[in-house]
Amino acid sequence: MEWLAELDRAVVEFMAITFRNGFCDAVMPVVSLSGDVGVVWLGVTAALLCFKKTRLVGVICGCALLLHVIGCNLILKTVIGRARPDLSYWNPALLIAPTDSSFPSGHTSGSFAVGVSLFFYKWQWGLAGVGAAALVGFSRMYLCVHYLTDVAAGALLGTVCALSAGMLVKYIASRRKRLAEI
């Protein structure tokens, strides 16, 4: 697994030294901010819940976010406790200040939880949601606050949360509909 740790370090070095530029230095903190406390994703979920046509996918998004909070923030981050990337060697200007452990990326996990959940409504919405989630994950690496494996694990966890929530909510909805017909 040393190769994986080396890959993580190489990506952080690339982001810290090679890839940084003024435009992205201005944009990426804003993109990353969209994942803070899931504020944008909670807003998307709330908007979906307001309309009957999108209410089911709104419930799926809400359940996916709940699963993400439990799995990522309450369990994995606490148990694993991985340190953030050590930037002392490259000394890039930190554009944001993270406060908790690194693995998995909570911003990425929450973003993918909602982004993938949108596929349960329309595939076009899902593509847009996953694209936005991928941009959030990239921003976390660009800002040198996560390793590549943190972001990949967050994307995987968010996807699993979305699929689990979708199957659960659709199962419960079908059971309720069957019971109402009796």
C-alpha atoms as a PDB file:
ATOM      1  CA  MET A   1       0.000   0.000   0.000  1.00  0.00           C
ATOM      2  CA  GLU A   2       3.045   2.265  -0.026  1.00  0.00           C
ATOM      3  CA  TRP A   3       2.311   3.033  -3.697  1.00  0.00           C
ATOM      4  CA  LEU A   4      -1.092   4.409  -2.688  1.00  0.00           C
ATOM      5  CA  ALA A   5       0.428   6.673  -0.047  1.00  0.00           C
ATOM      6  CA  GLU A   6       2.973   7.830  -2.617  1.00  0.00           C
ATOM      7  CA  LEU A   7       0.182   8.567  -5.109  1.00  0.00           C
ATOM      8  CA  ASP A   8      -1.645  10.580  -2.444  1.00  0.00           C
ATOM      9  CA  ARG A   9       1.500  12.616  -1.724  1.00  0.00           C
ATOM     10  CA  ALA A  10       2.170  13.132  -5.454  1.00  0.00           C
ATOM     11  CA  VAL A  11      -1.345  14.485  -6.061  1.00  0.00           C
ATOM     12  CA  VAL A  12      -1.048  16.895  -3.126  1.00  0.00           C
ATOM     13  CA  GLU A  13       2.367  18.032  -4.400  1.00  0.00           C
ATOM     14  CA  PHE A  14       0.986  18.513  -7.924  1.00  0.00           C
ATOM     15  CA  MET A  15      -1.913  20.558  -6.604  1.00  0.00           C
ATOM     16  CA  ALA A  16       0.259  22.589  -4.229  1.00  0.00           C
ATOM     17  CA  ILE A  17       3.074  23.417  -6.635  1.00  0.00           C
ATOM     18  CA  THR A  18       2.152  22.843 -10.258  1.00  0.00           C
ATOM     19  CA  PHE A  19      -1.554  23.386 -10.630  1.00  0.00           C
ATOM     20  CA  ARG A  20      -2.294  26.432  -8.457  1.00  0.00           C
ATOM     21  CA  ASN A  21      -3.283  29.630 -10.258  1.00  0.00           C
ATOM     22  CA  GLY A  22      -5.025  32.881  -9.440  1.00  0.00           C
ATOM     23  CA  PHE A  23      -8.357  32.041 -11.089  1.00  0.00           C
ATOM     24  CA  CYS A  24      -8.723  28.673  -9.365  1.00  0.00           C
ATOM     25  CA  ASP A  25      -7.452  30.151  -6.094  1.00  0.00           C
ATOM     26  CA  ALA A  26     -10.492  32.455  -6.217  1.00  0.00           C
ATOM     27  CA  VAL A  27     -13.048  29.895  -7.466  1.00  0.00           C
ATOM     28  CA  MET A  28     -12.173  26.684  -5.620  1.00  0.00           C
ATOM     29  CA  PRO A  29     -12.834  27.960  -2.073  1.00  0.00           C
ATOM     30  CA  VAL A  30     -16.319  28.991  -3.240  1.00  0.00           C
ATOM     31  CA  VAL A  31     -16.907  25.571  -4.822  1.00  0.00           C
ATOM     32  CA  SER A  32     -15.684  23.900  -1.637  1.00  0.00           C
ATOM     33  CA  LEU A  33     -17.896  26.167   0.459  1.00  0.00           C
ATOM     34  CA  SER A  34     -20.927  24.699  -1.305  1.00  0.00           C
ATOM     35  CA  GLY A  35     -20.216  21.456   0.549  1.00  0.00           C
ATOM     36  CA  ASP A  36     -19.789  23.089   3.980  1.00  0.00           C
ATOM     37  CA  VAL A  37     -22.396  21.567   6.276  1.00  0.00           C
ATOM     38  CA  GLY A  38     -24.099  20.416   3.073  1.00  0.00           C
ATOM     39  CA  VAL A  39     -25.742  23.836   2.800  1.00  0.00           C
ATOM     40  CA  VAL A  40     -26.255  23.727  -0.980  1.00  0.00           C
ATOM     41  CA  TRP A  41     -27.311  20.078  -0.909  1.00  0.00           C
ATOM     42  CA  LEU A  42     -29.754  20.730   1.929  1.00  0.00           C
ATOM     43  CA  GLY A  43     -31.168  23.578  -0.138  1.00  0.00           C
ATOM     44  CA  VAL A  44     -31.564  21.317  -3.175  1.00  0.00           C
ATOM     45  CA  THR A  45     -33.264  18.698  -0.989  1.00  0.00           C
ATOM     46  CA  ALA A  46     -35.613  21.267   0.563  1.00  0.00           C
ATOM     47  CA  ALA A  47     -36.537  22.620  -2.880  1.00  0.00           C
ATOM     48  CA  LEU A  48     -37.307  19.106  -4.139  1.00  0.00           C
ATOM     49  CA  LEU A  49     -39.529  18.452  -1.120  1.00  0.00           C
ATOM     50  CA  CYS A  50     -41.639  21.523  -1.914  1.00  0.00           C
ATOM     51  CA  PHE A  51     -43.138  20.090  -5.102  1.00  0.00           C
ATOM     52  CA  LYS A  52     -45.285  16.980  -5.345  1.00  0.00           C
ATOM     53  CA  LYS A  53     -43.640  15.943  -8.622  1.00  0.00           C
ATOM     54  CA  THR A  54     -40.149  15.886  -7.045  1.00  0.00           C
ATOM     55  CA  ARG A  55     -41.054  15.020  -3.450  1.00  0.00           C
ATOM     56  CA  LEU A  56     -40.009  11.350  -3.694  1.00  0.00           C
ATOM     57  CA  VAL A  57     -36.521  12.244  -4.929  1.00  0.00           C
ATOM     58  CA  GLY A  58     -36.362  14.913  -2.216  1.00  0.00           C
ATOM     59  CA  VAL A  59     -37.018  12.240   0.408  1.00  0.00           C
ATOM     60  CA  ILE A  60     -34.329  10.070  -1.199  1.00  0.00           C
ATOM     61  CA  CYS A  61     -31.858  12.990  -1.068  1.00  0.00           C
ATOM     62  CA  GLY A  62     -32.712  13.649   2.586  1.00  0.00           C
ATOM     63  CA  CYS A  63     -32.263  10.001   3.530  1.00  0.00           C
ATOM     64  CA  ALA A  64     -28.991   9.829   1.577  1.00  0.00           C
ATOM     65  CA  LEU A  65     -27.698  12.889   3.442  1.00  0.00           C
ATOM     66  CA  LEU A  66     -28.707  11.347   6.761  1.00  0.00           C
ATOM     67  CA  LEU A  67     -26.863   8.118   5.889  1.00  0.00           C
ATOM     68  CA  HIS A  68     -23.844  10.195   4.842  1.00  0.00           C
ATOM     69  CA  VAL A  69     -23.754  12.103   8.146  1.00  0.00           C
ATOM     70  CA  ILE A  70     -23.961   8.883  10.155  1.00  0.00           C
ATOM     71  CA  GLY A  71     -21.496   6.898   8.038  1.00  0.00           C
ATOM     72  CA  CYS A  72     -18.968   9.604   7.260  1.00  0.00           C
ATOM     73  CA  ASN A  73     -19.016  12.204  10.002  1.00  0.00           C
ATOM     74  CA  LEU A  74     -20.102  10.186  13.022  1.00  0.00           C
ATOM     75  CA  ILE A  75     -18.429   6.836  12.309  1.00  0.00           C
ATOM     76  CA  LEU A  76     -15.592   6.818   9.741  1.00  0.00           C
ATOM     77  CA  LYS A  77     -13.972  10.191  10.468  1.00  0.00           C
ATOM     78  CA  THR A  78     -14.084   9.477  14.197  1.00  0.00           C
ATOM     79  CA  VAL A  79     -12.763   5.908  13.971  1.00  0.00           C
ATOM     80  CA  ILE A  80     -10.085   6.471  11.310  1.00  0.00           C
ATOM     81  CA  GLY A  81      -8.920   9.958  12.319  1.00  0.00           C
ATOM     82  CA  ARG A  82      -6.501  10.403   9.392  1.00  0.00           C
ATOM     83  CA  ALA A  83      -4.442  13.579   9.512  1.00  0.00           C
ATOM     84  CA  ARG A  84      -4.795  16.193   6.792  1.00  0.00           C
ATOM     85  CA  PRO A  85      -2.023  16.453   4.188  1.00  0.00           C
ATOM     86  CA  ASP A  86       1.270  17.747   5.584  1.00  0.00           C
ATOM     87  CA  LEU A  87       2.062  20.802   3.511  1.00  0.00           C
ATOM     88  CA  SER A  88       5.151  21.977   5.379  1.00  0.00           C
ATOM     89  CA  TYR A  89       7.471  20.741   2.605  1.00  0.00           C
ATOM     90  CA  TRP A  90       5.708  22.688  -0.193  1.00  0.00           C
ATOM     91  CA  ASN A  91       4.259  25.463   1.990  1.00  0.00           C
ATOM     92  CA  PRO A  92       1.425  26.570  -0.296  1.00  0.00           C
ATOM     93  CA  ALA A  93      -0.867  29.325   0.877  1.00  0.00           C
ATOM     94  CA  LEU A  94      -3.815  27.641   2.577  1.00  0.00           C
ATOM     95  CA  LEU A  95      -6.992  29.142   1.200  1.00  0.00           C
ATOM     96  CA  ILE A  96      -9.300  27.446   3.750  1.00  0.00           C
ATOM     97  CA  ALA A  97      -8.773  25.995   7.214  1.00  0.00           C
ATOM     98  CA  PRO A  98     -10.227  22.496   7.777  1.00  0.00           C
ATOM     99  CA  THR A  99     -11.049  21.446  11.317  1.00  0.00           C
ATOM    100  CA  ASP A 100     -11.649  17.685  11.443  1.00  0.00           C
ATOM    101  CA  SER A 101      -9.948  14.554  10.192  1.00  0.00           C
ATOM    102  CA  SER A 102      -9.291  13.857   6.546  1.00  0.00           C
ATOM    103  CA  PHE A 103     -10.695  10.410   5.701  1.00  0.00           C
ATOM    104  CA  PRO A 104     -13.155  10.242   4.015  1.00  0.00           C
ATOM    105  CA  SER A 105     -13.947  13.622   2.505  1.00  0.00           C
ATOM    106  CA  GLY A 106     -17.247  14.692   4.026  1.00  0.00           C
ATOM    107  CA  HIS A 107     -17.771  17.433   1.440  1.00  0.00           C
ATOM    108  CA  THR A 108     -17.394  14.883  -1.346  1.00  0.00           C
ATOM    109  CA  SER A 109     -19.512  12.243   0.369  1.00  0.00           C
ATOM    110  CA  GLY A 110     -22.439  14.590   0.983  1.00  0.00           C
ATOM    111  CA  SER A 111     -22.198  15.982  -2.536  1.00  0.00           C
ATOM    112  CA  PHE A 112     -22.264  12.532  -4.122  1.00  0.00           C
ATOM    113  CA  ALA A 113     -25.086  11.436  -1.801  1.00  0.00           C
ATOM    114  CA  VAL A 114     -27.364  14.077  -3.317  1.00  0.00           C
ATOM    115  CA  GLY A 115     -25.824  14.106  -6.799  1.00  0.00           C
ATOM    116  CA  VAL A 116     -26.363  10.368  -7.300  1.00  0.00           C
ATOM    117  CA  SER A 117     -29.814  10.550  -5.669  1.00  0.00           C
ATOM    118  CA  LEU A 118     -30.910  12.912  -8.436  1.00  0.00           C
ATOM    119  CA  PHE A 119     -30.649   9.997 -10.885  1.00  0.00           C
ATOM    120  CA  PHE A 120     -33.782   8.613  -9.217  1.00  0.00           C
ATOM    121  CA  TYR A 121     -35.713  11.512 -10.764  1.00  0.00           C
ATOM    122  CA  LYS A 122     -34.072  12.242 -14.134  1.00  0.00           C
ATOM    123  CA  TRP A 123     -30.778  11.083 -15.540  1.00  0.00           C
ATOM    124  CA  GLN A 124     -30.014  14.631 -16.705  1.00  0.00           C
ATOM    125  CA  TRP A 125     -30.387  15.896 -13.146  1.00  0.00           C
ATOM    126  CA  GLY A 126     -28.175  13.063 -11.962  1.00  0.00           C
ATOM    127  CA  LEU A 127     -25.441  13.950 -14.452  1.00  0.00           C
ATOM    128  CA  ALA A 128     -25.544  17.583 -13.346  1.00  0.00           C
ATOM    129  CA  GLY A 129     -25.511  16.548  -9.677  1.00  0.00           C
ATOM    130  CA  VAL A 130     -22.608  14.129 -10.103  1.00  0.00           C
ATOM    131  CA  GLY A 131     -20.709  16.737 -12.123  1.00  0.00           C
ATOM    132  CA  ALA A 132     -21.171  19.271  -9.329  1.00  0.00           C
ATOM    133  CA  ALA A 133     -20.169  16.647  -6.746  1.00  0.00           C
ATOM    134  CA  ALA A 134     -17.005  15.795  -8.707  1.00  0.00           C
ATOM    135  CA  LEU A 135     -16.134  19.503  -8.826  1.00  0.00           C
ATOM    136  CA  VAL A 136     -16.521  19.706  -5.030  1.00  0.00           C
ATOM    137  CA  GLY A 137     -14.224  16.685  -4.648  1.00  0.00           C
ATOM    138  CA  PHE A 138     -11.664  18.238  -6.995  1.00  0.00           C
ATOM    139  CA  SER A 139     -11.813  21.508  -5.056  1.00  0.00           C
ATOM    140  CA  ARG A 140     -10.919  19.674  -1.849  1.00  0.00           C
ATOM    141  CA  MET A 141      -7.766  18.288  -3.475  1.00  0.00           C
ATOM    142  CA  TYR A 142      -6.966  21.610  -5.145  1.00  0.00           C
ATOM    143  CA  LEU A 143      -7.144  23.306  -1.755  1.00  0.00           C
ATOM    144  CA  CYS A 144      -4.724  20.657  -0.397  1.00  0.00           C
ATOM    145  CA  VAL A 145      -7.049  19.660   2.452  1.00  0.00           C
ATOM    146  CA  HIS A 146      -7.642  16.094   1.229  1.00  0.00           C
ATOM    147  CA  TYR A 147      -5.723  13.287  -0.372  1.00  0.00           C
ATOM    148  CA  LEU A 148      -6.980  11.613  -3.541  1.00  0.00           C
ATOM    149  CA  THR A 149      -7.997   8.538  -1.516  1.00  0.00           C
ATOM    150  CA  ASP A 150     -10.057  10.725   0.854  1.00  0.00           C
ATOM    151  CA  VAL A 151     -12.014  12.118  -2.082  1.00  0.00           C
ATOM    152  CA  ALA A 152     -12.399   8.729  -3.795  1.00  0.00           C
ATOM    153  CA  ALA A 153     -13.659   7.156  -0.558  1.00  0.00           C
ATOM    154  CA  GLY A 154     -16.055  10.080  -0.057  1.00  0.00           C
ATOM    155  CA  ALA A 155     -17.417   9.657  -3.591  1.00  0.00           C
ATOM    156  CA  LEU A 156     -17.882   5.924  -3.048  1.00  0.00           C
ATOM    157  CA  LEU A 157     -19.531   6.400   0.341  1.00  0.00           C
ATOM    158  CA  GLY A 158     -21.879   9.091  -0.994  1.00  0.00           C
ATOM    159  CA  THR A 159     -22.832   6.868  -3.918  1.00  0.00           C
ATOM    160  CA  VAL A 160     -23.559   3.930  -1.602  1.00  0.00           C
ATOM    161  CA  CYS A 161     -25.655   6.204   0.640  1.00  0.00           C
ATOM    162  CA  ALA A 162     -27.658   7.448  -2.372  1.00  0.00           C
ATOM    163  CA  LEU A 163     -28.287   3.971  -3.770  1.00  0.00           C
ATOM    164  CA  SER A 164     -29.223   2.602  -0.348  1.00  0.00           C
ATOM    165  CA  ALA A 165     -31.574   5.514   0.326  1.00  0.00           C
ATOM    166  CA  GLY A 166     -33.143   5.170  -3.106  1.00  0.00           C
ATOM    167  CA  MET A 167     -33.819   1.466  -2.717  1.00  0.00           C
ATOM    168  CA  LEU A 168     -35.145   1.914   0.830  1.00  0.00           C
ATOM    169  CA  VAL A 169     -37.445   4.843   0.033  1.00  0.00           C
ATOM    170  CA  LYS A 170     -38.785   3.217  -3.135  1.00  0.00           C
ATOM    171  CA  TYR A 171     -39.417  -0.036  -1.223  1.00  0.00           C
ATOM    172  CA  ILE A 172     -41.291   1.791   1.547  1.00  0.00           C
ATOM    173  CA  ALA A 173     -43.283   3.807  -1.003  1.00  0.00           C
ATOM    174  CA  SER A 174     -44.309   0.650  -2.868  1.00  0.00           C
ATOM    175  CA  ARG A 175     -45.332  -1.058   0.396  1.00  0.00           C
ATOM    176  CA  ARG A 176     -47.423   1.961   1.416  1.00  0.00           C
ATOM    177  CA  LYS A 177     -49.094   2.001  -1.988  1.00  0.00           C
ATOM    178  CA  ARG A 178     -49.886  -1.727  -1.770  1.00  0.00           C
ATOM    179  CA  LEU A 179     -51.291  -1.339   1.738  1.00  0.00           C
ATOM    180  CA  ALA A 180     -53.471   1.561   0.610  1.00  0.00           C
ATOM    181  CA  GLU A 181     -54.933  -0.614  -2.141  1.00  0.00           C
ATOM    182  CA  ILE A 182     -56.043  -3.299   0.335  1.00  0.00           C
END
